[in-house]
Amino acid sequence: EITEELIARILQEIPQGIDLYLSLDSNGEDDWLEVISNGNWITLGYSSNHDGNYYSYNAAFADTEDLSPLESGGQSSIKKCFALQDMIIGQKAVNYFIYTGKLYPGIDWAKQV
């Protein structure tokens, strides 16, 4: 169960660095959001068996293969085009997901094909 206190703690930790999964499914197997931040960069990855996979999208790096300093699972490097440098907007997106279970409309999302 996610309490108001836990939500506040999660949101406060994002600018310091955090690596977690938030799931709408009690088993954690569907409809989850991966949140990875190192304090300078944040990436959000949404996975759903019904809607597919989406990633936060940074158009400023659309034409490059450059990698951010973030890694998913400690192994897979995250491209800069899927990472944001605005911690406040990242916090808003995480908060929005926690309360609605939906992707935050205030950022761009890329759908995995």
Protein backbone atom coordinates (compact mmCIF):
# COMPACT_ATOMS: atom_id res chain seq x y z
CA GLU A 1 0.00 0.00 0.00
CA ILE A 2 1.24 3.45 -0.86
CA THR A 3 0.57 5.95 1.93
CA GLU A 4 0.73 9.74 1.68
CA GLU A 5 3.93 9.61 3.76
CA LEU A 6 5.53 7.11 1.38
CA ILE A 7 4.50 9.19 -1.65
CA ALA A 8 6.08 12.29 -0.11
CA ARG A 9 9.28 10.35 0.63
CA ILE A 10 9.48 8.97 -2.93
CA LEU A 11 8.98 12.42 -4.43
CA GLN A 12 11.62 13.92 -2.11
CA GLU A 13 14.16 11.24 -3.07
CA ILE A 14 13.86 11.75 -6.84
CA PRO A 15 16.21 14.79 -6.92
CA GLN A 16 18.75 12.91 -4.77
CA GLY A 17 18.65 9.73 -6.84
CA ILE A 18 16.21 6.83 -6.80
CA ASP A 19 15.67 3.51 -8.58
CA LEU A 20 12.26 1.93 -8.08
CA TYR A 21 9.21 0.35 -9.65
CA LEU A 22 5.68 1.55 -8.96
CA SER A 23 2.98 -0.97 -9.81
CA LEU A 24 -0.78 -0.70 -10.08
CA ASP A 25 -0.98 -4.48 -9.90
CA SER A 26 -0.68 -5.96 -6.41
CA ASN A 27 1.60 -8.67 -7.82
CA GLY A 28 3.79 -6.10 -9.59
CA GLU A 29 3.48 -7.93 -12.89
CA ASP A 30 1.53 -5.43 -14.99
CA ASP A 31 1.04 -1.69 -15.32
CA TRP A 32 4.24 -0.53 -13.64
CA LEU A 33 6.43 2.52 -13.90
CA GLU A 34 10.19 2.25 -13.56
CA VAL A 35 11.73 5.42 -12.09
CA ILE A 36 15.50 5.93 -12.28
CA SER A 37 17.17 9.16 -11.22
CA ASN A 38 20.70 10.17 -10.29
CA GLY A 39 19.82 13.73 -9.27
CA ASN A 40 20.71 15.22 -12.67
CA TRP A 41 18.85 12.88 -15.01
CA ILE A 42 15.57 10.97 -14.67
CA THR A 43 14.07 8.31 -16.90
CA LEU A 44 10.59 6.85 -16.69
CA GLY A 45 9.58 3.58 -18.28
CA TYR A 46 5.98 2.37 -18.31
CA SER A 47 5.07 -1.23 -19.05
CA SER A 48 1.60 -2.67 -19.53
CA ASN A 49 0.45 -5.96 -21.03
CA HIS A 50 -2.53 -4.04 -22.41
CA ASP A 51 -1.03 -0.74 -23.59
CA GLY A 52 2.57 -1.67 -24.42
CA ASN A 53 5.76 0.04 -23.26
CA TYR A 54 6.39 3.78 -23.12
CA TYR A 55 9.45 5.80 -22.16
CA SER A 56 9.91 9.42 -21.19
CA TYR A 57 11.11 11.24 -24.30
CA ASN A 58 13.56 14.11 -24.62
CA ALA A 59 13.33 15.62 -28.13
CA ALA A 60 16.51 17.66 -27.53
CA PHE A 61 18.46 14.42 -27.99
CA ALA A 62 16.31 12.87 -30.73
CA ASP A 63 19.09 12.89 -33.32
CA THR A 64 21.80 11.32 -31.19
CA GLU A 65 22.68 7.91 -29.86
CA ASP A 66 24.41 9.46 -26.83
CA LEU A 67 23.86 7.66 -23.55
CA SER A 68 22.76 9.23 -20.29
CA PRO A 69 24.56 8.23 -17.08
CA LEU A 70 21.48 6.19 -16.08
CA GLU A 71 21.22 2.42 -16.25
CA SER A 72 18.14 0.22 -16.03
CA GLY A 73 18.70 -2.73 -13.75
CA GLY A 74 22.29 -1.60 -13.27
CA GLN A 75 23.12 -2.89 -16.75
CA SER A 76 21.21 -1.39 -19.67
CA SER A 77 22.35 2.13 -20.50
CA ILE A 78 19.57 4.64 -21.14
CA LYS A 79 19.82 6.86 -24.22
CA LYS A 80 19.61 10.58 -23.57
CA CYS A 81 16.51 10.77 -25.76
CA PHE A 82 14.71 8.72 -23.08
CA ALA A 83 16.00 10.71 -20.10
CA LEU A 84 15.00 14.12 -18.79
CA GLN A 85 17.06 16.70 -16.93
CA ASP A 86 14.12 18.38 -15.21
CA MET A 87 13.64 16.78 -11.80
CA ILE A 88 10.52 18.84 -11.06
CA ILE A 89 8.70 17.57 -14.15
CA GLY A 90 9.90 14.06 -13.26
CA GLN A 91 8.38 14.40 -9.79
CA LYS A 92 5.12 15.61 -11.33
CA ALA A 93 5.04 12.63 -13.70
CA VAL A 94 5.64 10.15 -10.87
CA ASN A 95 3.04 11.82 -8.67
CA TYR A 96 0.52 11.79 -11.52
CA PHE A 97 1.11 8.08 -12.14
CA ILE A 98 0.70 7.24 -8.45
CA TYR A 99 -2.69 8.98 -8.28
CA THR A 100 -4.09 8.18 -11.72
CA GLY A 101 -2.22 5.16 -13.06
CA LYS A 102 -1.75 7.09 -16.29
CA LEU A 103 1.16 8.69 -18.12
CA TYR A 104 1.70 12.34 -17.26
CA PRO A 105 0.51 14.51 -20.18
CA GLY A 106 3.06 17.24 -19.32
CA ILE A 107 5.96 15.33 -20.91
CA ASP A 108 6.49 13.55 -24.19
CA TRP A 109 6.39 9.75 -24.28
CA ALA A 110 7.87 7.37 -26.85
CA LYS A 111 6.08 4.09 -27.49
CA GLN A 112 8.23 1.03 -27.99
CA VAL A 113 7.52 -0.57 -31.34
